[in-house]
Amino acid sequence: MSELQAQYQQANNGVLAQSSASREMEEVKGQIFMARQFPRNVFQSEQRILDACKRPALAEVAVYNYPRGGTKVEGPSIRLAEVLAQNWGNLAFGVKELEQRPGESVAMAYCWDLETNVRQEKVFTVPHTRKAKGQIKKLDDPRDIYELVANNGARRLRACILGIIPGDIVDKAVEECNRTLTSGSQGPLKDRIGNALKAFKEKYRVTQEQIETHFGYNVDAFSEIDYRELIKIFNSLKDGMSKVDDWFSKEVKSKQESKLTKAFEEDKDKTTKKEEKAKKELKNEDVKADEINFEQGELITE
């Protein structure tokens, strides 16, 4: 390539970059203008969010939890964060890949309130590697790289959205989702638990015995609350907030006994002991009565 062609290409690239930047600037100005023309009604936005949380399909994937310091941390998932942003209104949010270098990508997650000009953004680097079966595998397929960046960006995007929307609105949405799971569940509990166990086994290779070990009793004793906790764990794993090892032990007993069954057996043993003691006391009383009658008989004879 001649020097003249190189200069022409460089100038052409500069013009295209300037044109692209000008177009993006005009789009941003248009979004801000429309947000100022049609400001959000906070009460209507809140009601739309709560109405959306009444949908069982959303409630099942809306809340996750993960272990930390011996306790469980609960919060809204990326699916609920997206619904919050959509119904809150006048928000620009998403994930952008800023640069792709050899072996890594630089991306940015952002959420921008166009009305108040409050912005949350997080720039992060994603190595093109994936850990599988204890080994680190390098990714070459563009589709795998895109999915990896999207998965890592989802957690940052969730944090950006929750940094913009008021905390009391988020808390009300989580409570409404929990209420929907408890009262508006579709289908028998046994079938829903069976589907959840199947999903754990197919996607994360988590067996029923591991789940029973985590909860401490058999799945036959699961209640609606246990099913809700199981769904939250699944959402936590799916969103990448925790790992399988955080929840489930690889060493499980061959037969998992229920805590309820154990408590029942203990009560049964106590009852049996009381009955045996009562029978023994009754027998002693009968023996004493026989002795008294015998003595009285002797006195009468005399």
C-alpha atoms as a PDB file:
ATOM      1  CA  MET A   1       0.000   0.000   0.000  1.00  0.00           C
ATOM      2  CA  SER A   2       1.363   3.408  -0.990  1.00  0.00           C
ATOM      3  CA  GLU A   3       1.739   6.277   1.449  1.00  0.00           C
ATOM      4  CA  LEU A   4      -1.063   8.179  -0.288  1.00  0.00           C
ATOM      5  CA  GLN A   5      -3.470   5.240   0.113  1.00  0.00           C
ATOM      6  CA  ALA A   6      -2.546   4.889   3.792  1.00  0.00           C
ATOM      7  CA  GLN A   7      -3.236   8.557   4.429  1.00  0.00           C
ATOM      8  CA  TYR A   8      -6.562   8.299   2.572  1.00  0.00           C
ATOM      9  CA  GLN A   9      -7.628   5.243   4.629  1.00  0.00           C
ATOM     10  CA  GLN A  10      -6.610   6.915   7.895  1.00  0.00           C
ATOM     11  CA  ALA A  11      -8.555  10.038   7.002  1.00  0.00           C
ATOM     12  CA  ASN A  12     -11.551   7.935   5.968  1.00  0.00           C
ATOM     13  CA  ASN A  13     -11.487   6.033   9.280  1.00  0.00           C
ATOM     14  CA  GLY A  14     -11.333   9.326  11.158  1.00  0.00           C
ATOM     15  CA  VAL A  15     -14.371  10.635   9.297  1.00  0.00           C
ATOM     16  CA  LEU A  16     -16.338   7.433   9.983  1.00  0.00           C
ATOM     17  CA  ALA A  17     -15.456   7.535  13.684  1.00  0.00           C
ATOM     18  CA  GLN A  18     -16.476  11.181  13.921  1.00  0.00           C
ATOM     19  CA  SER A  19     -19.722  10.480  12.100  1.00  0.00           C
ATOM     20  CA  SER A  20     -20.500   7.535  14.404  1.00  0.00           C
ATOM     21  CA  ALA A  21     -19.788   9.644  17.507  1.00  0.00           C
ATOM     22  CA  SER A  22     -22.037  12.442  16.215  1.00  0.00           C
ATOM     23  CA  ARG A  23     -24.845   9.981  15.538  1.00  0.00           C
ATOM     24  CA  GLU A  24     -24.597   8.511  19.037  1.00  0.00           C
ATOM     25  CA  MET A  25     -24.611  11.999  20.542  1.00  0.00           C
ATOM     26  CA  GLU A  26     -27.775  12.906  18.674  1.00  0.00           C
ATOM     27  CA  GLU A  27     -29.440   9.689  19.806  1.00  0.00           C
ATOM     28  CA  VAL A  28     -28.593  10.478  23.428  1.00  0.00           C
ATOM     29  CA  LYS A  29     -29.946  14.008  23.070  1.00  0.00           C
ATOM     30  CA  GLY A  30     -33.169  12.574  21.629  1.00  0.00           C
ATOM     31  CA  GLN A  31     -33.549  10.141  24.543  1.00  0.00           C
ATOM     32  CA  ILE A  32     -33.016  12.907  27.098  1.00  0.00           C
ATOM     33  CA  PHE A  33     -35.500  15.157  25.309  1.00  0.00           C
ATOM     34  CA  MET A  34     -38.206  12.452  25.281  1.00  0.00           C
ATOM     35  CA  ALA A  35     -37.566  11.641  28.957  1.00  0.00           C
ATOM     36  CA  ARG A  36     -38.057  15.295  29.894  1.00  0.00           C
ATOM     37  CA  GLN A  37     -41.198  15.524  27.787  1.00  0.00           C
ATOM     38  CA  PHE A  38     -42.749  12.398  29.313  1.00  0.00           C
ATOM     39  CA  PRO A  39     -41.438  12.080  32.909  1.00  0.00           C
ATOM     40  CA  ARG A  40     -42.232   8.972  34.893  1.00  0.00           C
ATOM     41  CA  ASN A  41     -45.048   8.770  37.388  1.00  0.00           C
ATOM     42  CA  VAL A  42     -43.420   7.078  40.381  1.00  0.00           C
ATOM     43  CA  PHE A  43     -46.665   5.611  41.724  1.00  0.00           C
ATOM     44  CA  GLN A  44     -47.683   4.190  38.348  1.00  0.00           C
ATOM     45  CA  SER A  45     -44.193   2.758  37.836  1.00  0.00           C
ATOM     46  CA  GLU A  46     -44.313   1.094  41.243  1.00  0.00           C
ATOM     47  CA  GLN A  47     -47.726  -0.407  40.513  1.00  0.00           C
ATOM     48  CA  ARG A  48     -46.529  -1.754  37.146  1.00  0.00           C
ATOM     49  CA  ILE A  49     -43.575  -3.416  38.875  1.00  0.00           C
ATOM     50  CA  LEU A  50     -45.779  -5.031  41.535  1.00  0.00           C
ATOM     51  CA  ASP A  51     -48.255  -6.218  38.889  1.00  0.00           C
ATOM     52  CA  ALA A  52     -45.399  -7.831  36.958  1.00  0.00           C
ATOM     53  CA  CYS A  53     -44.244  -9.607  40.130  1.00  0.00           C
ATOM     54  CA  LYS A  54     -47.644 -11.297  40.389  1.00  0.00           C
ATOM     55  CA  ARG A  55     -46.757 -13.461  37.386  1.00  0.00           C
ATOM     56  CA  PRO A  56     -45.653 -16.928  38.628  1.00  0.00           C
ATOM     57  CA  ALA A  57     -43.251 -17.370  35.711  1.00  0.00           C
ATOM     58  CA  LEU A  58     -41.359 -14.235  36.741  1.00  0.00           C
ATOM     59  CA  ALA A  59     -41.581 -14.930  40.483  1.00  0.00           C
ATOM     60  CA  GLU A  60     -39.875 -18.310  40.048  1.00  0.00           C
ATOM     61  CA  VAL A  61     -36.722 -16.705  38.572  1.00  0.00           C
ATOM     62  CA  ALA A  62     -36.874 -13.342  40.334  1.00  0.00           C
ATOM     63  CA  VAL A  63     -35.008 -14.029  43.588  1.00  0.00           C
ATOM     64  CA  TYR A  64     -31.738 -15.798  44.291  1.00  0.00           C
ATOM     65  CA  ASN A  65     -29.724 -16.503  47.414  1.00  0.00           C
ATOM     66  CA  TYR A  66     -26.185 -17.645  48.119  1.00  0.00           C
ATOM     67  CA  PRO A  67     -24.195 -18.597  51.233  1.00  0.00           C
ATOM     68  CA  ARG A  68     -21.871 -16.070  52.861  1.00  0.00           C
ATOM     69  CA  GLY A  69     -20.280 -16.277  56.305  1.00  0.00           C
ATOM     70  CA  GLY A  70     -22.553 -19.058  57.486  1.00  0.00           C
ATOM     71  CA  THR A  71     -25.735 -17.205  56.461  1.00  0.00           C
ATOM     72  CA  LYS A  72     -27.790 -16.857  53.295  1.00  0.00           C
ATOM     73  CA  VAL A  73     -27.866 -13.625  51.312  1.00  0.00           C
ATOM     74  CA  GLU A  74     -31.030 -13.016  49.284  1.00  0.00           C
ATOM     75  CA  GLY A  75     -31.572 -10.533  46.481  1.00  0.00           C
ATOM     76  CA  PRO A  76     -33.197  -9.846  43.115  1.00  0.00           C
ATOM     77  CA  SER A  77     -31.866 -11.739  40.096  1.00  0.00           C
ATOM     78  CA  ILE A  78     -30.934 -10.188  36.749  1.00  0.00           C
ATOM     79  CA  ARG A  79     -34.378 -11.172  35.400  1.00  0.00           C
ATOM     80  CA  LEU A  80     -36.129  -9.128  38.095  1.00  0.00           C
ATOM     81  CA  ALA A  81     -33.649  -6.259  37.651  1.00  0.00           C
ATOM     82  CA  GLU A  82     -34.545  -6.079  33.954  1.00  0.00           C
ATOM     83  CA  VAL A  83     -38.273  -5.979  34.792  1.00  0.00           C
ATOM     84  CA  LEU A  84     -37.609  -3.209  37.337  1.00  0.00           C
ATOM     85  CA  ALA A  85     -35.759  -1.137  34.747  1.00  0.00           C
ATOM     86  CA  GLN A  86     -38.370  -1.685  32.042  1.00  0.00           C
ATOM     87  CA  ASN A  87     -41.288  -0.656  34.245  1.00  0.00           C
ATOM     88  CA  TRP A  88     -39.486   2.158  36.071  1.00  0.00           C
ATOM     89  CA  GLY A  89     -39.122   3.950  32.760  1.00  0.00           C
ATOM     90  CA  ASN A  90     -36.736   6.460  31.174  1.00  0.00           C
ATOM     91  CA  LEU A  91     -33.685   4.309  31.828  1.00  0.00           C
ATOM     92  CA  ALA A  92     -30.951   3.449  29.333  1.00  0.00           C
ATOM     93  CA  PHE A  93     -29.156   0.246  30.335  1.00  0.00           C
ATOM     94  CA  GLY A  94     -27.155  -2.566  28.799  1.00  0.00           C
ATOM     95  CA  VAL A  95     -23.746  -4.194  28.304  1.00  0.00           C
ATOM     96  CA  LYS A  96     -21.227  -3.065  25.680  1.00  0.00           C
ATOM     97  CA  GLU A  97     -18.025  -4.768  24.571  1.00  0.00           C
ATOM     98  CA  LEU A  98     -15.562  -1.904  24.347  1.00  0.00           C
ATOM     99  CA  GLU A  99     -12.552  -3.788  23.072  1.00  0.00           C
ATOM    100  CA  GLN A 100     -11.536  -7.344  22.227  1.00  0.00           C
ATOM    101  CA  ARG A 101      -7.876  -8.097  22.793  1.00  0.00           C
ATOM    102  CA  PRO A 102      -6.027 -11.368  22.237  1.00  0.00           C
ATOM    103  CA  GLY A 103      -7.234 -13.617  25.050  1.00  0.00           C
ATOM    104  CA  GLU A 104      -9.579 -11.136  26.763  1.00  0.00           C
ATOM    105  CA  SER A 105     -12.404  -8.651  26.250  1.00  0.00           C
ATOM    106  CA  VAL A 106     -13.017  -5.284  27.886  1.00  0.00           C
ATOM    107  CA  ALA A 107     -16.721  -4.577  28.454  1.00  0.00           C
ATOM    108  CA  MET A 108     -18.911  -2.057  30.239  1.00  0.00           C
ATOM    109  CA  ALA A 109     -22.261  -2.467  31.999  1.00  0.00           C
ATOM    110  CA  TYR A 110     -24.253   0.704  32.551  1.00  0.00           C
ATOM    111  CA  CYS A 111     -27.585   2.098  33.680  1.00  0.00           C
ATOM    112  CA  TRP A 112     -28.471   5.749  33.096  1.00  0.00           C
ATOM    113  CA  ASP A 113     -31.502   7.604  34.456  1.00  0.00           C
ATOM    114  CA  LEU A 114     -32.312  10.006  31.627  1.00  0.00           C
ATOM    115  CA  GLU A 115     -34.482  12.213  33.843  1.00  0.00           C
ATOM    116  CA  THR A 116     -32.119  12.832  36.746  1.00  0.00           C
ATOM    117  CA  ASN A 117     -28.866  12.277  34.792  1.00  0.00           C
ATOM    118  CA  VAL A 118     -27.712   9.741  37.400  1.00  0.00           C
ATOM    119  CA  ARG A 119     -25.493   7.058  35.897  1.00  0.00           C
ATOM    120  CA  GLN A 120     -24.014   3.805  37.140  1.00  0.00           C
ATOM    121  CA  GLU A 121     -21.387   1.999  35.075  1.00  0.00           C
ATOM    122  CA  LYS A 122     -18.854  -0.769  35.605  1.00  0.00           C
ATOM    123  CA  VAL A 123     -15.929  -1.505  33.286  1.00  0.00           C
ATOM    124  CA  PHE A 124     -14.522  -5.027  33.567  1.00  0.00           C
ATOM    125  CA  THR A 125     -12.183  -7.444  31.804  1.00  0.00           C
ATOM    126  CA  VAL A 126     -13.260 -10.968  30.825  1.00  0.00           C
ATOM    127  CA  PRO A 127     -10.494 -13.536  30.050  1.00  0.00           C
ATOM    128  CA  HIS A 128     -11.391 -15.855  27.178  1.00  0.00           C
ATOM    129  CA  THR A 129     -11.123 -18.930  29.378  1.00  0.00           C
ATOM    130  CA  ARG A 130     -13.545 -21.289  31.063  1.00  0.00           C
ATOM    131  CA  LYS A 131     -12.928 -23.707  33.910  1.00  0.00           C
ATOM    132  CA  ALA A 132     -14.357 -27.165  33.293  1.00  0.00           C
ATOM    133  CA  LYS A 133     -13.637 -30.335  35.286  1.00  0.00           C
ATOM    134  CA  GLY A 134     -10.775 -28.684  37.145  1.00  0.00           C
ATOM    135  CA  GLN A 135      -9.037 -27.530  33.952  1.00  0.00           C
ATOM    136  CA  ILE A 136      -8.897 -24.115  32.310  1.00  0.00           C
ATOM    137  CA  LYS A 137      -9.951 -24.161  28.669  1.00  0.00           C
ATOM    138  CA  LYS A 138      -9.198 -21.344  26.235  1.00  0.00           C
ATOM    139  CA  LEU A 139     -12.115 -20.172  24.101  1.00  0.00           C
ATOM    140  CA  ASP A 140     -11.704 -19.561  20.358  1.00  0.00           C
ATOM    141  CA  ASP A 141     -15.299 -19.744  19.144  1.00  0.00           C
ATOM    142  CA  PRO A 142     -16.792 -16.206  18.806  1.00  0.00           C
ATOM    143  CA  ARG A 143     -20.135 -17.498  20.070  1.00  0.00           C
ATOM    144  CA  ASP A 144     -18.568 -18.897  23.261  1.00  0.00           C
ATOM    145  CA  ILE A 145     -16.743 -15.601  23.821  1.00  0.00           C
ATOM    146  CA  TYR A 146     -19.949 -13.622  23.323  1.00  0.00           C
ATOM    147  CA  GLU A 147     -21.871 -15.808  25.806  1.00  0.00           C
ATOM    148  CA  LEU A 148     -19.039 -15.540  28.339  1.00  0.00           C
ATOM    149  CA  VAL A 149     -18.994 -11.734  28.123  1.00  0.00           C
ATOM    150  CA  ALA A 150     -22.802 -11.616  28.338  1.00  0.00           C
ATOM    151  CA  ASN A 151     -22.877 -13.833  31.439  1.00  0.00           C
ATOM    152  CA  ASN A 152     -20.222 -11.778  33.199  1.00  0.00           C
ATOM    153  CA  GLY A 153     -21.926  -8.568  32.147  1.00  0.00           C
ATOM    154  CA  ALA A 154     -25.311  -9.669  33.498  1.00  0.00           C
ATOM    155  CA  ARG A 155     -24.121  -9.521  37.106  1.00  0.00           C
ATOM    156  CA  ARG A 156     -22.610  -6.053  36.617  1.00  0.00           C
ATOM    157  CA  LEU A 157     -25.739  -4.860  34.832  1.00  0.00           C
ATOM    158  CA  ARG A 158     -27.864  -6.062  37.735  1.00  0.00           C
ATOM    159  CA  ALA A 159     -25.721  -4.079  40.168  1.00  0.00           C
ATOM    160  CA  CYS A 160     -25.997  -0.944  38.000  1.00  0.00           C
ATOM    161  CA  ILE A 161     -29.788  -1.168  37.741  1.00  0.00           C
ATOM    162  CA  LEU A 162     -30.190  -1.718  41.483  1.00  0.00           C
ATOM    163  CA  GLY A 163     -27.938   1.288  42.063  1.00  0.00           C
ATOM    164  CA  ILE A 164     -30.417   3.531  40.207  1.00  0.00           C
ATOM    165  CA  ILE A 165     -33.854   2.249  41.289  1.00  0.00           C
ATOM    166  CA  PRO A 166     -34.813   3.143  44.904  1.00  0.00           C
ATOM    167  CA  GLY A 167     -34.188   0.374  47.434  1.00  0.00           C
ATOM    168  CA  ASP A 168     -37.710   0.393  48.870  1.00  0.00           C
ATOM    169  CA  ILE A 169     -39.145  -0.338  45.403  1.00  0.00           C
ATOM    170  CA  VAL A 170     -36.741  -3.268  45.027  1.00  0.00           C
ATOM    171  CA  ASP A 171     -37.674  -4.646  48.465  1.00  0.00           C
ATOM    172  CA  LYS A 172     -41.398  -4.449  47.676  1.00  0.00           C
ATOM    173  CA  ALA A 173     -40.817  -6.286  44.396  1.00  0.00           C
ATOM    174  CA  VAL A 174     -38.929  -9.100  46.152  1.00  0.00           C
ATOM    175  CA  GLU A 175     -41.671  -9.434  48.782  1.00  0.00           C
ATOM    176  CA  GLU A 176     -44.344  -9.570  46.084  1.00  0.00           C
ATOM    177  CA  CYS A 177     -42.442 -12.298  44.212  1.00  0.00           C
ATOM    178  CA  ASN A 178     -42.124 -14.358  47.401  1.00  0.00           C
ATOM    179  CA  ARG A 179     -45.840 -13.900  48.048  1.00  0.00           C
ATOM    180  CA  THR A 180     -46.634 -15.045  44.512  1.00  0.00           C
ATOM    181  CA  LEU A 181     -44.503 -18.167  44.922  1.00  0.00           C
ATOM    182  CA  THR A 182     -46.281 -19.059  48.156  1.00  0.00           C
ATOM    183  CA  SER A 183     -49.876 -18.376  47.182  1.00  0.00           C
ATOM    184  CA  GLY A 184     -50.040 -18.479  43.393  1.00  0.00           C
ATOM    185  CA  SER A 185     -48.136 -21.641  42.560  1.00  0.00           C
ATOM    186  CA  GLN A 186     -49.410 -23.636  39.609  1.00  0.00           C
ATOM    187  CA  GLY A 187     -49.791 -27.399  39.843  1.00  0.00           C
ATOM    188  CA  PRO A 188     -49.263 -29.870  42.694  1.00  0.00           C
ATOM    189  CA  LEU A 189     -46.229 -29.275  44.907  1.00  0.00           C
ATOM    190  CA  LYS A 190     -44.968 -32.821  44.295  1.00  0.00           C
ATOM    191  CA  ASP A 191     -44.823 -32.290  40.514  1.00  0.00           C
ATOM    192  CA  ARG A 192     -43.057 -28.929  40.854  1.00  0.00           C
ATOM    193  CA  ILE A 193     -40.443 -30.404  43.188  1.00  0.00           C
ATOM    194  CA  GLY A 194     -39.925 -33.271  40.729  1.00  0.00           C
ATOM    195  CA  ASN A 195     -39.331 -30.812  37.877  1.00  0.00           C
ATOM    196  CA  ALA A 196     -36.866 -28.867  40.031  1.00  0.00           C
ATOM    197  CA  LEU A 197     -34.908 -32.022  40.897  1.00  0.00           C
ATOM    198  CA  LYS A 198     -34.771 -32.945  37.217  1.00  0.00           C
ATOM    199  CA  ALA A 199     -33.472 -29.481  36.290  1.00  0.00           C
ATOM    200  CA  PHE A 200     -30.737 -29.657  38.953  1.00  0.00           C
ATOM    201  CA  LYS A 201     -29.589 -33.050  37.723  1.00  0.00           C
ATOM    202  CA  GLU A 202     -29.607 -32.194  34.011  1.00  0.00           C
ATOM    203  CA  LYS A 203     -27.935 -28.781  34.241  1.00  0.00           C
ATOM    204  CA  TYR A 204     -25.649 -29.000  37.291  1.00  0.00           C
ATOM    205  CA  ARG A 205     -25.356 -32.776  37.948  1.00  0.00           C
ATOM    206  CA  VAL A 206     -26.771 -32.304  41.440  1.00  0.00           C
ATOM    207  CA  THR A 207     -28.519 -35.445  42.673  1.00  0.00           C
ATOM    208  CA  GLN A 208     -31.565 -35.781  44.880  1.00  0.00           C
ATOM    209  CA  GLU A 209     -29.373 -37.167  47.688  1.00  0.00           C
ATOM    210  CA  GLN A 210     -27.203 -34.025  47.624  1.00  0.00           C
ATOM    211  CA  ILE A 211     -30.274 -31.805  47.855  1.00  0.00           C
ATOM    212  CA  GLU A 212     -31.684 -33.861  50.720  1.00  0.00           C
ATOM    213  CA  THR A 213     -28.344 -33.628  52.535  1.00  0.00           C
ATOM    214  CA  HIS A 214     -28.373 -29.841  52.159  1.00  0.00           C
ATOM    215  CA  PHE A 215     -31.902 -29.480  53.560  1.00  0.00           C
ATOM    216  CA  GLY A 216     -31.512 -32.218  56.162  1.00  0.00           C
ATOM    217  CA  TYR A 217     -34.582 -34.296  55.276  1.00  0.00           C
ATOM    218  CA  ASN A 218     -36.197 -36.180  52.400  1.00  0.00           C
ATOM    219  CA  VAL A 219     -37.897 -34.404  49.510  1.00  0.00           C
ATOM    220  CA  ASP A 220     -41.158 -36.093  50.545  1.00  0.00           C
ATOM    221  CA  ALA A 221     -41.190 -33.730  53.527  1.00  0.00           C
ATOM    222  CA  PHE A 222     -40.562 -30.578  51.443  1.00  0.00           C
ATOM    223  CA  SER A 223     -43.004 -27.740  51.957  1.00  0.00           C
ATOM    224  CA  GLU A 224     -43.795 -24.740  49.779  1.00  0.00           C
ATOM    225  CA  ILE A 225     -41.084 -22.775  51.590  1.00  0.00           C
ATOM    226  CA  ASP A 226     -38.501 -25.482  50.841  1.00  0.00           C
ATOM    227  CA  TYR A 227     -39.490 -25.446  47.181  1.00  0.00           C
ATOM    228  CA  ARG A 228     -39.073 -21.679  47.116  1.00  0.00           C
ATOM    229  CA  GLU A 229     -35.599 -21.960  48.662  1.00  0.00           C
ATOM    230  CA  LEU A 230     -34.675 -24.599  46.083  1.00  0.00           C
ATOM    231  CA  ILE A 231     -35.715 -22.293  43.237  1.00  0.00           C
ATOM    232  CA  LYS A 232     -33.634 -19.459  44.702  1.00  0.00           C
ATOM    233  CA  ILE A 233     -30.564 -21.703  44.808  1.00  0.00           C
ATOM    234  CA  PHE A 234     -31.147 -22.657  41.177  1.00  0.00           C
ATOM    235  CA  ASN A 235     -31.402 -18.986  40.199  1.00  0.00           C
ATOM    236  CA  SER A 236     -28.226 -18.222  42.120  1.00  0.00           C
ATOM    237  CA  LEU A 237     -26.340 -20.914  40.188  1.00  0.00           C
ATOM    238  CA  LYS A 238     -27.827 -19.804  36.876  1.00  0.00           C
ATOM    239  CA  ASP A 239     -26.874 -16.146  37.428  1.00  0.00           C
ATOM    240  CA  GLY A 240     -23.360 -17.138  38.480  1.00  0.00           C
ATOM    241  CA  MET A 241     -23.735 -15.690  41.974  1.00  0.00           C
ATOM    242  CA  SER A 242     -22.600 -18.971  43.542  1.00  0.00           C
ATOM    243  CA  LYS A 243     -21.200 -22.385  42.652  1.00  0.00           C
ATOM    244  CA  VAL A 244     -22.491 -25.904  43.173  1.00  0.00           C
ATOM    245  CA  ASP A 245     -19.831 -26.554  45.820  1.00  0.00           C
ATOM    246  CA  ASP A 246     -21.171 -23.613  47.861  1.00  0.00           C
ATOM    247  CA  TRP A 247     -24.444 -25.442  48.390  1.00  0.00           C
ATOM    248  CA  PHE A 248     -24.052 -29.172  47.933  1.00  0.00           C
ATOM    249  CA  SER A 249     -21.535 -31.635  49.325  1.00  0.00           C
ATOM    250  CA  LYS A 250     -20.085 -34.326  47.095  1.00  0.00           C
ATOM    251  CA  GLU A 251     -20.124 -36.801  49.996  1.00  0.00           C
ATOM    252  CA  VAL A 252     -23.678 -37.856  50.774  1.00  0.00           C
ATOM    253  CA  LYS A 253     -25.145 -40.650  52.860  1.00  0.00           C
ATOM    254  CA  SER A 254     -26.622 -43.642  51.102  1.00  0.00           C
ATOM    255  CA  LYS A 255     -29.865 -43.127  52.988  1.00  0.00           C
ATOM    256  CA  GLN A 256     -30.953 -39.694  54.106  1.00  0.00           C
ATOM    257  CA  GLU A 257     -33.226 -39.672  57.123  1.00  0.00           C
ATOM    258  CA  SER A 258     -35.672 -36.878  57.689  1.00  0.00           C
ATOM    259  CA  LYS A 259     -35.353 -34.669  60.757  1.00  0.00           C
ATOM    260  CA  LEU A 260     -39.084 -34.952  61.148  1.00  0.00           C
ATOM    261  CA  THR A 261     -38.823 -38.733  61.088  1.00  0.00           C
ATOM    262  CA  LYS A 262     -36.034 -38.646  63.647  1.00  0.00           C
ATOM    263  CA  ALA A 263     -38.064 -36.379  65.924  1.00  0.00           C
ATOM    264  CA  PHE A 264     -41.048 -38.685  65.544  1.00  0.00           C
ATOM    265  CA  GLU A 265     -38.942 -41.708  66.451  1.00  0.00           C
ATOM    266  CA  GLU A 266     -37.583 -39.917  69.526  1.00  0.00           C
ATOM    267  CA  ASP A 267     -41.122 -39.035  70.650  1.00  0.00           C
ATOM    268  CA  LYS A 268     -42.157 -42.614  70.002  1.00  0.00           C
ATOM    269  CA  ASP A 269     -39.305 -43.942  72.141  1.00  0.00           C
ATOM    270  CA  LYS A 270     -40.212 -41.554  74.961  1.00  0.00           C
ATOM    271  CA  THR A 271     -43.857 -42.643  74.791  1.00  0.00           C
ATOM    272  CA  THR A 272     -42.865 -46.317  74.805  1.00  0.00           C
ATOM    273  CA  LYS A 273     -40.654 -45.809  77.852  1.00  0.00           C
ATOM    274  CA  LYS A 274     -43.449 -43.992  79.683  1.00  0.00           C
ATOM    275  CA  GLU A 275     -45.896 -46.807  78.877  1.00  0.00           C
ATOM    276  CA  GLU A 276     -43.430 -49.461  80.078  1.00  0.00           C
ATOM    277  CA  LYS A 277     -42.834 -47.503  83.275  1.00  0.00           C
ATOM    278  CA  ALA A 278     -46.588 -47.144  83.866  1.00  0.00           C
ATOM    279  CA  LYS A 279     -47.134 -50.863  83.289  1.00  0.00           C
ATOM    280  CA  LYS A 280     -44.316 -51.704  85.679  1.00  0.00           C
ATOM    281  CA  GLU A 281     -45.757 -49.426  88.354  1.00  0.00           C
ATOM    282  CA  LEU A 282     -49.207 -50.913  87.801  1.00  0.00           C
ATOM    283  CA  LYS A 283     -47.792 -54.401  88.091  1.00  0.00           C
ATOM    284  CA  ASN A 284     -46.054 -53.489  91.359  1.00  0.00           C
ATOM    285  CA  GLU A 285     -49.301 -52.093  92.692  1.00  0.00           C
ATOM    286  CA  ASP A 286     -51.092 -55.344  91.772  1.00  0.00           C
ATOM    287  CA  VAL A 287     -48.415 -57.369  93.588  1.00  0.00           C
ATOM    288  CA  LYS A 288     -48.776 -55.213  96.697  1.00  0.00           C
ATOM    289  CA  ALA A 289     -52.555 -55.572  96.569  1.00  0.00           C
ATOM    290  CA  ASP A 290     -52.216 -59.357  96.392  1.00  0.00           C
ATOM    291  CA  GLU A 291     -49.901 -59.308  99.391  1.00  0.00           C
ATOM    292  CA  ILE A 292     -52.397 -57.191 101.377  1.00  0.00           C
ATOM    293  CA  ASN A 293     -55.252 -59.512 100.466  1.00  0.00           C
ATOM    294  CA  PHE A 294     -53.174 -62.487 101.440  1.00  0.00           C
ATOM    295  CA  GLU A 295     -52.359 -60.930 104.827  1.00  0.00           C
ATOM    296  CA  GLN A 296     -56.006 -60.046 105.377  1.00  0.00           C
ATOM    297  CA  GLY A 297     -56.911 -63.617 104.534  1.00  0.00           C
ATOM    298  CA  GLU A 298     -54.515 -64.906 107.143  1.00  0.00           C
ATOM    299  CA  LEU A 299     -55.989 -62.528 109.731  1.00  0.00           C
ATOM    300  CA  ILE A 300     -59.508 -63.700 108.965  1.00  0.00           C
ATOM    301  CA  THR A 301     -58.437 -67.300 109.247  1.00  0.00           C
ATOM    302  CA  GLU A 302     -56.889 -66.668 112.606  1.00  0.00           C
END
